């Protein structure tokens, strides 16, 4: 037997009741702060690679992981770790192109 729904009456288990946005909202601040930390660190490392020729700097990406883990929890720490790996790969690509351009400039003079 099928129950009919009266107009203006919500079923006991609606889709709105099933979706819980509170856990997402509680983690959002930490994740955004973590992304900002990784972005700021990437900018600093990019400047160091470009100006000084820093060769090994990827271990510095552990700093946002530790800060995120202690301040905002495991979700932010995982986001920091993933973004750190991606940013480290980006900076290693930039490092190789920067060193290649330096070699070309030195060989041309």
Foldseek 3Di string as FASTA:
>chain_A
DDDDDDPPDDDPDDPVNVDDCVVVVLQVVLQVVLVVVLVVVLVVVLVCCQPVVDDDDLVVLVVSLVVSCVPRRDVNNVSSVVSSVVSVVVSNVVSVVSVVVVVVVVVVD
